[in-house]
């Protein structure tokens, strides 16, 4: 890993702690992966390390950027507004605010007793094709690890099928930084 990535990870841990996140090292590992280790346009331009779209309660500056979304199984380019954060700490706090605003979805994650449990509960919920009685209930996506259907009855932060595994592996491989 590059020194610049390790420095960014250490900064993310510091910023997550400043935001009051209950699992700052794990949140920092998420931020590193979500932002491409700080290299994404949203992270460098807007300090948005989670790819958070403008929440309804946001009253600050926004950045208008087109993004690709999969809507009803079709990839489309859409206009989106993204909050511009004054600090990375503010981005962590905003994400916590979003999670707290949806207790029926994220309540179990926020009351977790460990970082790994938090990551598993806040991450995407994917099922293998054939889980639904109606095979067309949700579109099937193909990933290097196999075929998955996103269970949109269980909304989660990310749409990557192995997101929790990646975050936990990142944390473990750099526990000296994230566990600090």
N, C-alpha and C. Protein backbone atom coordinates (compact mmCIF):
# COMPACT_ATOMS: atom_id res chain seq x y z
N UNK A 1 0.84 -1.18 0.00
CA UNK A 1 0.00 0.00 0.00
C UNK A 1 0.89 1.24 0.00
N UNK A 2 0.46 2.25 -0.72
CA UNK A 2 1.22 3.49 -0.81
C UNK A 2 1.15 4.28 0.49
N UNK A 3 2.20 5.03 0.77
CA UNK A 3 2.22 5.86 1.97
C UNK A 3 1.06 6.87 1.96
N UNK A 4 0.74 7.39 0.79
CA UNK A 4 -0.36 8.36 0.70
C UNK A 4 -1.70 7.71 1.10
N UNK A 5 -1.88 6.44 0.78
CA UNK A 5 -3.10 5.73 1.18
C UNK A 5 -3.13 5.49 2.68
N UNK A 6 -1.98 5.13 3.25
CA UNK A 6 -1.91 4.94 4.70
C UNK A 6 -2.17 6.25 5.42
N UNK A 7 -1.64 7.34 4.90
CA UNK A 7 -1.87 8.66 5.49
C UNK A 7 -3.35 9.03 5.42
N UNK A 8 -3.97 8.75 4.26
CA UNK A 8 -5.39 9.04 4.12
C UNK A 8 -6.21 8.20 5.11
N UNK A 9 -5.87 6.93 5.25
CA UNK A 9 -6.56 6.06 6.20
C UNK A 9 -6.46 6.60 7.62
N UNK A 10 -5.27 7.02 8.01
CA UNK A 10 -5.08 7.58 9.36
C UNK A 10 -5.92 8.85 9.53
N UNK A 11 -5.97 9.66 8.50
CA UNK A 11 -6.79 10.87 8.56
C UNK A 11 -8.27 10.51 8.70
N UNK A 12 -8.71 9.47 7.99
CA UNK A 12 -10.11 9.05 8.07
C UNK A 12 -10.46 8.56 9.48
N UNK A 13 -9.54 7.84 10.12
CA UNK A 13 -9.78 7.40 11.50
C UNK A 13 -9.95 8.62 12.40
N UNK A 14 -9.07 9.59 12.26
CA UNK A 14 -9.13 10.81 13.06
C UNK A 14 -10.46 11.54 12.84
N UNK A 15 -10.85 11.69 11.58
CA UNK A 15 -12.08 12.41 11.24
C UNK A 15 -13.31 11.64 11.74
N UNK A 16 -13.31 10.32 11.64
CA UNK A 16 -14.43 9.52 12.13
C UNK A 16 -14.56 9.65 13.65
N UNK A 17 -13.43 9.66 14.34
CA UNK A 17 -13.46 9.86 15.80
C UNK A 17 -14.03 11.23 16.14
N UNK A 18 -13.60 12.26 15.40
CA UNK A 18 -14.09 13.62 15.65
C UNK A 18 -15.60 13.72 15.42
N UNK A 19 -16.14 12.91 14.53
CA UNK A 19 -17.58 12.96 14.24
C UNK A 19 -18.40 12.24 15.31
N UNK A 20 -17.73 11.47 16.16
CA UNK A 20 -18.44 10.71 17.19
C UNK A 20 -18.92 9.36 16.72
N UNK A 21 -18.39 8.87 15.61
CA UNK A 21 -18.81 7.57 15.09
C UNK A 21 -18.53 6.49 16.12
N UNK A 22 -19.48 5.57 16.35
CA UNK A 22 -19.25 4.52 17.36
C UNK A 22 -18.18 3.50 16.97
N UNK A 23 -17.88 3.37 15.68
CA UNK A 23 -16.87 2.44 15.21
C UNK A 23 -15.96 3.16 14.21
N UNK A 24 -15.15 4.09 14.69
CA UNK A 24 -14.40 4.96 13.78
C UNK A 24 -13.44 4.24 12.84
N UNK A 25 -12.76 3.22 13.30
CA UNK A 25 -11.83 2.51 12.43
C UNK A 25 -12.54 1.79 11.30
N UNK A 26 -13.67 1.20 11.61
CA UNK A 26 -14.44 0.49 10.58
C UNK A 26 -15.07 1.47 9.60
N UNK A 27 -15.57 2.60 10.13
CA UNK A 27 -16.13 3.63 9.25
C UNK A 27 -15.02 4.20 8.36
N UNK A 28 -13.83 4.34 8.91
CA UNK A 28 -12.70 4.84 8.12
C UNK A 28 -12.34 3.86 7.00
N UNK A 29 -12.38 2.57 7.30
CA UNK A 29 -12.11 1.57 6.25
C UNK A 29 -13.16 1.65 5.15
N UNK A 30 -14.42 1.85 5.54
CA UNK A 30 -15.49 2.04 4.55
C UNK A 30 -15.20 3.26 3.68
N UNK A 31 -14.86 4.37 4.34
CA UNK A 31 -14.61 5.62 3.61
C UNK A 31 -13.45 5.45 2.63
N UNK A 32 -12.43 4.72 3.03
CA UNK A 32 -11.29 4.50 2.14
C UNK A 32 -11.73 3.75 0.88
N UNK A 33 -12.52 2.70 1.07
CA UNK A 33 -12.97 1.92 -0.09
C UNK A 33 -13.97 2.70 -0.93
N UNK A 34 -14.93 3.36 -0.29
CA UNK A 34 -15.96 4.10 -1.03
C UNK A 34 -15.37 5.24 -1.85
N UNK A 35 -14.28 5.83 -1.35
CA UNK A 35 -13.69 7.00 -2.02
C UNK A 35 -12.47 6.67 -2.86
N UNK A 36 -12.16 5.39 -3.02
CA UNK A 36 -10.95 5.03 -3.76
C UNK A 36 -9.71 5.56 -3.07
N UNK A 37 -9.70 5.43 -1.74
CA UNK A 37 -8.58 5.90 -0.91
C UNK A 37 -8.37 7.40 -1.08
N UNK A 38 -9.52 8.12 -1.18
CA UNK A 38 -9.47 9.57 -1.26
C UNK A 38 -9.27 10.11 -2.66
N UNK A 39 -9.23 9.23 -3.66
CA UNK A 39 -8.93 9.67 -5.03
C UNK A 39 -10.18 9.99 -5.85
N UNK A 40 -11.37 9.65 -5.37
CA UNK A 40 -12.57 9.91 -6.16
C UNK A 40 -12.81 11.41 -6.28
N UNK A 41 -13.50 11.78 -7.32
CA UNK A 41 -13.82 13.19 -7.52
C UNK A 41 -14.64 13.76 -6.38
N UNK A 42 -15.59 12.98 -5.87
CA UNK A 42 -16.40 13.46 -4.75
C UNK A 42 -15.54 13.69 -3.51
N UNK A 43 -14.59 12.80 -3.27
CA UNK A 43 -13.74 12.95 -2.08
C UNK A 43 -12.80 14.14 -2.21
N UNK A 44 -12.18 14.29 -3.36
CA UNK A 44 -11.21 15.37 -3.52
C UNK A 44 -11.88 16.73 -3.65
N UNK A 45 -13.01 16.77 -4.34
CA UNK A 45 -13.68 18.05 -4.61
C UNK A 45 -14.61 18.45 -3.46
N UNK A 46 -15.38 17.47 -2.92
CA UNK A 46 -16.46 17.79 -1.99
C UNK A 46 -16.29 17.18 -0.59
N UNK A 47 -15.19 16.48 -0.37
CA UNK A 47 -14.95 15.77 0.88
C UNK A 47 -16.05 14.75 1.20
N UNK A 48 -16.72 14.28 0.15
CA UNK A 48 -17.79 13.28 0.28
C UNK A 48 -17.17 11.90 0.09
N UNK A 49 -16.74 11.30 1.19
CA UNK A 49 -16.03 10.02 1.12
C UNK A 49 -16.96 8.81 1.11
N UNK A 50 -18.28 9.05 1.19
CA UNK A 50 -19.24 7.93 1.17
C UNK A 50 -20.13 7.94 -0.07
N UNK A 51 -19.96 8.91 -0.95
CA UNK A 51 -20.84 8.99 -2.11
C UNK A 51 -22.27 9.29 -1.70
N UNK A 52 -22.41 10.09 -0.68
CA UNK A 52 -23.72 10.45 -0.14
C UNK A 52 -24.38 11.49 -1.04
N UNK A 53 -25.56 11.17 -1.54
CA UNK A 53 -26.31 12.15 -2.31
C UNK A 53 -26.95 13.13 -1.33
N UNK A 54 -27.36 14.27 -1.84
CA UNK A 54 -27.90 15.32 -0.99
C UNK A 54 -29.10 14.82 -0.18
N UNK A 55 -28.97 14.77 1.15
CA UNK A 55 -30.11 14.38 1.98
C UNK A 55 -31.16 15.50 2.01
N UNK A 56 -32.39 15.15 2.29
CA UNK A 56 -33.48 16.13 2.29
C UNK A 56 -33.24 17.24 3.32
N UNK A 57 -32.53 16.96 4.39
CA UNK A 57 -32.30 17.94 5.45
C UNK A 57 -31.08 18.83 5.19
N UNK A 58 -30.31 18.53 4.15
CA UNK A 58 -29.07 19.27 3.89
C UNK A 58 -29.38 20.70 3.47
N UNK A 59 -28.73 21.67 4.10
CA UNK A 59 -28.96 23.07 3.74
C UNK A 59 -27.68 23.76 3.25
N UNK A 60 -26.62 22.99 3.11
CA UNK A 60 -25.35 23.54 2.66
C UNK A 60 -25.21 23.53 1.15
N UNK A 61 -24.01 23.83 0.72
CA UNK A 61 -23.68 23.87 -0.71
C UNK A 61 -23.80 22.47 -1.31
N UNK A 62 -24.19 22.41 -2.59
CA UNK A 62 -24.27 21.13 -3.31
C UNK A 62 -23.49 21.22 -4.62
N UNK A 63 -23.13 20.07 -5.11
CA UNK A 63 -22.43 19.93 -6.38
C UNK A 63 -23.34 19.12 -7.30
N UNK A 64 -23.63 19.63 -8.48
CA UNK A 64 -24.46 18.92 -9.46
C UNK A 64 -23.55 18.08 -10.35
N UNK A 65 -23.71 16.76 -10.26
CA UNK A 65 -22.87 15.86 -11.04
C UNK A 65 -23.75 14.73 -11.58
N UNK A 66 -23.57 14.40 -12.83
CA UNK A 66 -24.28 13.26 -13.42
C UNK A 66 -23.68 11.97 -12.85
N UNK A 67 -24.51 10.97 -12.70
CA UNK A 67 -24.06 9.69 -12.20
C UNK A 67 -24.81 8.59 -12.93
N UNK A 68 -24.27 7.39 -12.88
CA UNK A 68 -24.96 6.24 -13.46
C UNK A 68 -25.70 5.50 -12.37
N UNK A 69 -26.94 5.17 -12.63
CA UNK A 69 -27.79 4.41 -11.72
C UNK A 69 -28.39 3.26 -12.48
N UNK A 70 -28.72 2.19 -11.78
CA UNK A 70 -29.48 1.10 -12.37
C UNK A 70 -30.91 1.27 -11.87
N UNK A 71 -31.80 1.62 -12.79
CA UNK A 71 -33.19 1.87 -12.45
C UNK A 71 -34.04 0.83 -13.14
N UNK A 72 -34.70 0.01 -12.32
CA UNK A 72 -35.52 -1.10 -12.85
C UNK A 72 -34.72 -1.96 -13.81
N UNK A 73 -33.47 -2.22 -13.45
CA UNK A 73 -32.61 -3.09 -14.23
C UNK A 73 -31.92 -2.46 -15.42
N UNK A 74 -32.14 -1.15 -15.63
CA UNK A 74 -31.55 -0.46 -16.77
C UNK A 74 -30.56 0.59 -16.28
N UNK A 75 -29.35 0.55 -16.81
CA UNK A 75 -28.33 1.54 -16.45
C UNK A 75 -28.64 2.85 -17.17
N UNK A 76 -28.78 3.92 -16.38
CA UNK A 76 -29.10 5.23 -16.93
C UNK A 76 -28.19 6.29 -16.32
N UNK A 77 -27.95 7.35 -17.08
CA UNK A 77 -27.23 8.51 -16.56
C UNK A 77 -28.27 9.49 -16.06
N UNK A 78 -28.12 9.91 -14.81
CA UNK A 78 -29.08 10.83 -14.20
C UNK A 78 -28.35 11.99 -13.55
N UNK A 79 -29.06 13.10 -13.41
CA UNK A 79 -28.52 14.25 -12.68
C UNK A 79 -28.67 13.97 -11.19
N UNK A 80 -27.69 14.35 -10.41
CA UNK A 80 -27.78 14.17 -8.96
C UNK A 80 -27.09 15.33 -8.28
N UNK A 81 -27.52 15.59 -7.06
CA UNK A 81 -26.92 16.63 -6.24
C UNK A 81 -26.18 15.95 -5.08
N UNK A 82 -24.99 16.45 -4.81
CA UNK A 82 -24.13 15.87 -3.79
C UNK A 82 -23.74 16.97 -2.81
N UNK A 83 -23.80 16.70 -1.51
CA UNK A 83 -23.41 17.74 -0.55
C UNK A 83 -21.92 18.04 -0.63
N UNK A 84 -21.58 19.28 -0.42
CA UNK A 84 -20.18 19.69 -0.34
C UNK A 84 -19.88 19.90 1.14
N UNK A 85 -19.00 19.08 1.68
CA UNK A 85 -18.69 19.13 3.11
C UNK A 85 -17.50 20.03 3.37
N UNK A 86 -17.52 20.70 4.49
CA UNK A 86 -16.42 21.56 4.90
C UNK A 86 -15.24 20.74 5.40
N UNK A 87 -15.53 19.52 5.88
CA UNK A 87 -14.48 18.65 6.40
C UNK A 87 -14.91 17.20 6.23
N UNK A 88 -13.95 16.30 6.31
CA UNK A 88 -14.28 14.88 6.27
C UNK A 88 -15.09 14.50 7.50
N UNK A 89 -14.80 15.11 8.63
CA UNK A 89 -15.56 14.85 9.85
C UNK A 89 -17.04 15.15 9.62
N UNK A 90 -17.32 16.23 8.90
CA UNK A 90 -18.71 16.58 8.60
C UNK A 90 -19.35 15.51 7.71
N UNK A 91 -18.58 14.91 6.81
CA UNK A 91 -19.10 13.83 5.98
C UNK A 91 -19.45 12.61 6.82
N UNK A 92 -18.61 12.26 7.78
CA UNK A 92 -18.91 11.14 8.68
C UNK A 92 -20.16 11.43 9.50
N UNK A 93 -20.28 12.65 10.01
CA UNK A 93 -21.45 13.04 10.81
C UNK A 93 -22.72 13.01 9.97
N UNK A 94 -22.63 13.47 8.72
CA UNK A 94 -23.80 13.45 7.83
C UNK A 94 -24.25 12.02 7.55
N UNK A 95 -23.28 11.14 7.34
CA UNK A 95 -23.64 9.75 7.09
C UNK A 95 -24.33 9.15 8.31
N UNK A 96 -23.80 9.43 9.50
CA UNK A 96 -24.45 8.94 10.73
C UNK A 96 -25.86 9.49 10.84
N UNK A 97 -26.04 10.76 10.48
CA UNK A 97 -27.36 11.37 10.52
C UNK A 97 -28.32 10.62 9.59
N UNK A 98 -27.86 10.28 8.40
CA UNK A 98 -28.68 9.53 7.45
C UNK A 98 -29.04 8.16 8.04
N UNK A 99 -28.05 7.46 8.60
CA UNK A 99 -28.32 6.14 9.18
C UNK A 99 -29.31 6.25 10.33
N UNK A 100 -29.14 7.26 11.19
CA UNK A 100 -30.05 7.46 12.32
C UNK A 100 -31.46 7.85 11.89
N UNK A 101 -31.59 8.44 10.71
CA UNK A 101 -32.90 8.87 10.24
C UNK A 101 -33.73 7.71 9.69
N UNK A 102 -33.12 6.54 9.56
CA UNK A 102 -33.85 5.36 9.06
C UNK A 102 -33.68 4.20 10.03
N UNK A 103 -34.27 4.32 11.23
CA UNK A 103 -34.06 3.28 12.24
C UNK A 103 -34.59 1.91 11.85
N UNK A 104 -35.64 1.86 11.01
CA UNK A 104 -36.15 0.55 10.63
C UNK A 104 -35.18 -0.20 9.75
N UNK A 105 -34.30 0.53 9.06
CA UNK A 105 -33.32 -0.09 8.18
C UNK A 105 -31.98 -0.24 8.89
N UNK A 106 -31.51 0.84 9.51
CA UNK A 106 -30.15 0.86 10.06
C UNK A 106 -30.08 0.76 11.57
N UNK A 107 -31.22 0.70 12.26
CA UNK A 107 -31.22 0.59 13.72
C UNK A 107 -30.35 -0.54 14.24
N UNK A 108 -30.49 -1.75 13.68
CA UNK A 108 -29.65 -2.85 14.16
C UNK A 108 -28.15 -2.56 13.99
N UNK A 109 -27.77 -1.91 12.91
CA UNK A 109 -26.35 -1.59 12.70
C UNK A 109 -25.88 -0.59 13.75
N UNK A 110 -26.70 0.41 14.02
CA UNK A 110 -26.30 1.46 14.96
C UNK A 110 -26.29 0.99 16.41
N UNK A 111 -26.97 -0.11 16.71
CA UNK A 111 -26.93 -0.66 18.07
C UNK A 111 -26.01 -1.87 18.16
N UNK A 112 -25.20 -2.05 17.14
CA UNK A 112 -24.23 -3.16 17.13
C UNK A 112 -23.29 -3.05 18.31
N UNK A 113 -22.76 -4.18 18.71
CA UNK A 113 -21.80 -4.19 19.80
C UNK A 113 -20.37 -4.35 19.32
N UNK A 114 -20.19 -4.46 18.00
CA UNK A 114 -18.83 -4.57 17.46
C UNK A 114 -18.76 -3.95 16.08
N UNK A 115 -17.57 -3.57 15.69
CA UNK A 115 -17.36 -3.01 14.36
C UNK A 115 -17.71 -3.96 13.23
N UNK A 116 -17.26 -5.23 13.31
CA UNK A 116 -17.62 -6.17 12.24
C UNK A 116 -19.14 -6.35 12.10
N UNK A 117 -19.83 -6.39 13.23
CA UNK A 117 -21.28 -6.53 13.18
C UNK A 117 -21.90 -5.28 12.53
N UNK A 118 -21.40 -4.11 12.88
CA UNK A 118 -21.88 -2.86 12.27
C UNK A 118 -21.72 -2.93 10.75
N UNK A 119 -20.54 -3.33 10.30
CA UNK A 119 -20.27 -3.38 8.85
C UNK A 119 -21.22 -4.36 8.16
N UNK A 120 -21.40 -5.52 8.74
CA UNK A 120 -22.29 -6.52 8.11
C UNK A 120 -23.73 -6.00 8.02
N UNK A 121 -24.18 -5.32 9.07
CA UNK A 121 -25.58 -4.87 9.10
C UNK A 121 -25.83 -3.62 8.26
N UNK A 122 -24.81 -2.79 8.07
CA UNK A 122 -25.00 -1.57 7.30
C UNK A 122 -24.78 -1.81 5.80
N UNK A 123 -24.16 -2.91 5.46
CA UNK A 123 -23.82 -3.20 4.06
C UNK A 123 -25.02 -3.74 3.28
N UNK A 124 -24.82 -3.87 1.99
CA UNK A 124 -25.89 -4.31 1.09
C UNK A 124 -26.42 -5.69 1.45
N UNK A 125 -27.64 -5.91 1.11
CA UNK A 125 -28.26 -7.21 1.33
C UNK A 125 -28.53 -7.85 -0.03
N UNK A 126 -27.75 -8.87 -0.35
CA UNK A 126 -27.86 -9.55 -1.63
C UNK A 126 -28.30 -10.98 -1.42
N UNK A 127 -29.01 -11.51 -2.38
CA UNK A 127 -29.44 -12.90 -2.33
C UNK A 127 -29.05 -13.58 -3.64
N UNK A 128 -28.98 -14.89 -3.60
CA UNK A 128 -28.67 -15.62 -4.83
C UNK A 128 -29.94 -15.75 -5.65
N UNK A 129 -29.82 -15.77 -6.99
CA UNK A 129 -31.01 -15.94 -7.82
C UNK A 129 -31.75 -17.21 -7.43
N UNK A 130 -33.08 -17.12 -7.45
CA UNK A 130 -33.90 -18.26 -7.05
C UNK A 130 -34.47 -18.09 -5.65
N UNK A 131 -34.00 -17.05 -4.93
CA UNK A 131 -34.49 -16.81 -3.57
C UNK A 131 -35.96 -16.36 -3.60
N UNK A 132 -36.31 -15.57 -4.59
CA UNK A 132 -37.67 -15.06 -4.70
C UNK A 132 -38.55 -16.04 -5.46
N UNK A 133 -39.81 -16.17 -5.03
CA UNK A 133 -40.75 -17.05 -5.73
C UNK A 133 -40.92 -16.60 -7.19
N UNK A 134 -40.95 -15.29 -7.38
CA UNK A 134 -41.03 -14.72 -8.73
C UNK A 134 -39.61 -14.41 -9.18
N UNK A 135 -39.06 -15.15 -10.13
CA UNK A 135 -37.66 -14.93 -10.54
C UNK A 135 -37.39 -13.56 -11.14
N UNK A 136 -38.45 -12.84 -11.53
CA UNK A 136 -38.26 -11.50 -12.09
C UNK A 136 -38.48 -10.41 -11.04
N UNK A 137 -38.62 -10.79 -9.78
CA UNK A 137 -38.90 -9.82 -8.71
C UNK A 137 -37.83 -8.74 -8.64
N UNK A 138 -36.59 -9.13 -8.80
CA UNK A 138 -35.47 -8.19 -8.78
C UNK A 138 -34.51 -8.58 -9.90
N UNK A 139 -33.90 -7.60 -10.55
CA UNK A 139 -32.96 -7.96 -11.62
C UNK A 139 -31.75 -8.72 -11.09
N UNK A 140 -31.20 -9.56 -11.95
CA UNK A 140 -30.00 -10.32 -11.61
C UNK A 140 -28.79 -9.53 -12.09
N UNK A 141 -27.77 -9.43 -11.23
CA UNK A 141 -26.52 -8.74 -11.57
C UNK A 141 -25.41 -9.78 -11.58
N UNK A 142 -24.46 -9.61 -12.50
CA UNK A 142 -23.34 -10.52 -12.60
C UNK A 142 -22.09 -9.83 -12.09
N UNK A 143 -21.44 -10.46 -11.13
CA UNK A 143 -20.20 -9.96 -10.54
C UNK A 143 -19.15 -11.05 -10.70
N UNK A 144 -17.87 -10.71 -10.54
CA UNK A 144 -16.83 -11.74 -10.64
C UNK A 144 -17.06 -12.90 -9.67
N UNK A 145 -17.72 -12.63 -8.55
CA UNK A 145 -17.95 -13.67 -7.55
C UNK A 145 -19.22 -14.47 -7.81
N UNK A 146 -20.00 -14.11 -8.83
CA UNK A 146 -21.21 -14.87 -9.14
C UNK A 146 -22.40 -13.99 -9.45
N UNK A 147 -23.57 -14.61 -9.54
CA UNK A 147 -24.81 -13.89 -9.81
C UNK A 147 -25.52 -13.58 -8.51
N UNK A 148 -26.10 -12.36 -8.44
CA UNK A 148 -26.82 -11.94 -7.25
C UNK A 148 -28.02 -11.11 -7.63
N UNK A 149 -29.02 -11.13 -6.78
CA UNK A 149 -30.15 -10.23 -6.90
C UNK A 149 -30.11 -9.33 -5.67
N UNK A 150 -30.29 -8.02 -5.88
CA UNK A 150 -30.35 -7.09 -4.76
C UNK A 150 -31.75 -7.16 -4.18
N UNK A 151 -31.84 -7.47 -2.91
CA UNK A 151 -33.13 -7.55 -2.24
C UNK A 151 -33.54 -6.14 -1.85
N UNK A 152 -34.33 -5.49 -2.71
CA UNK A 152 -34.67 -4.10 -2.46
C UNK A 152 -35.73 -3.93 -1.38
N UNK A 153 -36.14 -5.03 -0.76
CA UNK A 153 -37.01 -4.90 0.41
C UNK A 153 -36.17 -4.63 1.65
N UNK A 154 -34.87 -4.79 1.53
CA UNK A 154 -33.94 -4.57 2.64
C UNK A 154 -32.87 -3.59 2.18
N UNK A 155 -33.23 -2.32 2.14
CA UNK A 155 -32.34 -1.28 1.66
C UNK A 155 -31.06 -1.27 2.50
N UNK A 156 -29.94 -1.09 1.86
CA UNK A 156 -28.68 -0.97 2.56
C UNK A 156 -27.82 0.07 1.86
N UNK A 157 -26.71 0.42 2.47
CA UNK A 157 -25.89 1.53 2.01
C UNK A 157 -25.30 1.32 0.63
N UNK A 158 -24.80 0.15 0.37
CA UNK A 158 -24.05 -0.08 -0.86
C UNK A 158 -24.73 -1.13 -1.72
N UNK A 159 -24.35 -1.17 -2.97
CA UNK A 159 -24.91 -2.20 -3.85
C UNK A 159 -23.87 -3.24 -4.26
N UNK A 160 -22.73 -3.26 -3.61
CA UNK A 160 -21.71 -4.26 -3.92
C UNK A 160 -22.01 -5.53 -3.13
N UNK A 161 -22.06 -6.69 -3.79
CA UNK A 161 -22.47 -7.91 -3.09
C UNK A 161 -21.48 -8.37 -2.02
N UNK A 162 -20.22 -8.00 -2.14
CA UNK A 162 -19.23 -8.47 -1.16
C UNK A 162 -18.64 -7.29 -0.38
N UNK A 163 -19.42 -6.21 -0.23
CA UNK A 163 -18.93 -5.00 0.41
C UNK A 163 -18.45 -5.24 1.83
N UNK A 164 -19.24 -5.92 2.64
CA UNK A 164 -18.86 -6.15 4.04
C UNK A 164 -17.54 -6.91 4.11
N UNK A 165 -17.40 -7.94 3.28
CA UNK A 165 -16.17 -8.72 3.27
C UNK A 165 -14.97 -7.84 2.91
N UNK A 166 -15.15 -6.96 1.92
CA UNK A 166 -14.06 -6.08 1.51
C UNK A 166 -13.67 -5.10 2.61
N UNK A 167 -14.66 -4.51 3.26
CA UNK A 167 -14.38 -3.55 4.34
C UNK A 167 -13.65 -4.24 5.49
N UNK A 168 -14.15 -5.40 5.89
CA UNK A 168 -13.53 -6.12 7.00
C UNK A 168 -12.11 -6.58 6.66
N UNK A 169 -11.89 -7.01 5.42
CA UNK A 169 -10.55 -7.41 5.00
C UNK A 169 -9.61 -6.21 4.98
N UNK A 170 -10.10 -5.07 4.54
CA UNK A 170 -9.29 -3.85 4.52
C UNK A 170 -8.91 -3.46 5.94
N UNK A 171 -9.88 -3.49 6.84
CA UNK A 171 -9.62 -3.17 8.24
C UNK A 171 -8.55 -4.11 8.81
N UNK A 172 -8.74 -5.42 8.61
CA UNK A 172 -7.81 -6.41 9.17
C UNK A 172 -6.41 -6.30 8.58
N UNK A 173 -6.32 -6.00 7.29
CA UNK A 173 -5.00 -5.94 6.68
C UNK A 173 -4.23 -4.68 7.08
N UNK A 174 -4.93 -3.72 7.65
CA UNK A 174 -4.28 -2.48 8.11
C UNK A 174 -4.76 -2.10 9.50
N UNK A 175 -4.90 -3.13 10.35
CA UNK A 175 -5.41 -2.90 11.71
C UNK A 175 -4.52 -1.94 12.49
N UNK A 176 -3.24 -1.87 12.14
CA UNK A 176 -2.35 -0.92 12.81
C UNK A 176 -2.77 0.52 12.57
N UNK A 177 -3.43 0.80 11.44
CA UNK A 177 -3.93 2.15 11.15
C UNK A 177 -5.36 2.30 11.60
N UNK A 178 -6.23 1.36 11.20
CA UNK A 178 -7.66 1.49 11.48
C UNK A 178 -7.99 1.21 12.94
N UNK A 179 -7.19 0.39 13.58
CA UNK A 179 -7.47 0.05 14.98
C UNK A 179 -6.86 1.04 15.96
N UNK A 180 -6.20 2.07 15.43
CA UNK A 180 -5.54 3.05 16.30
C UNK A 180 -6.52 3.89 17.06
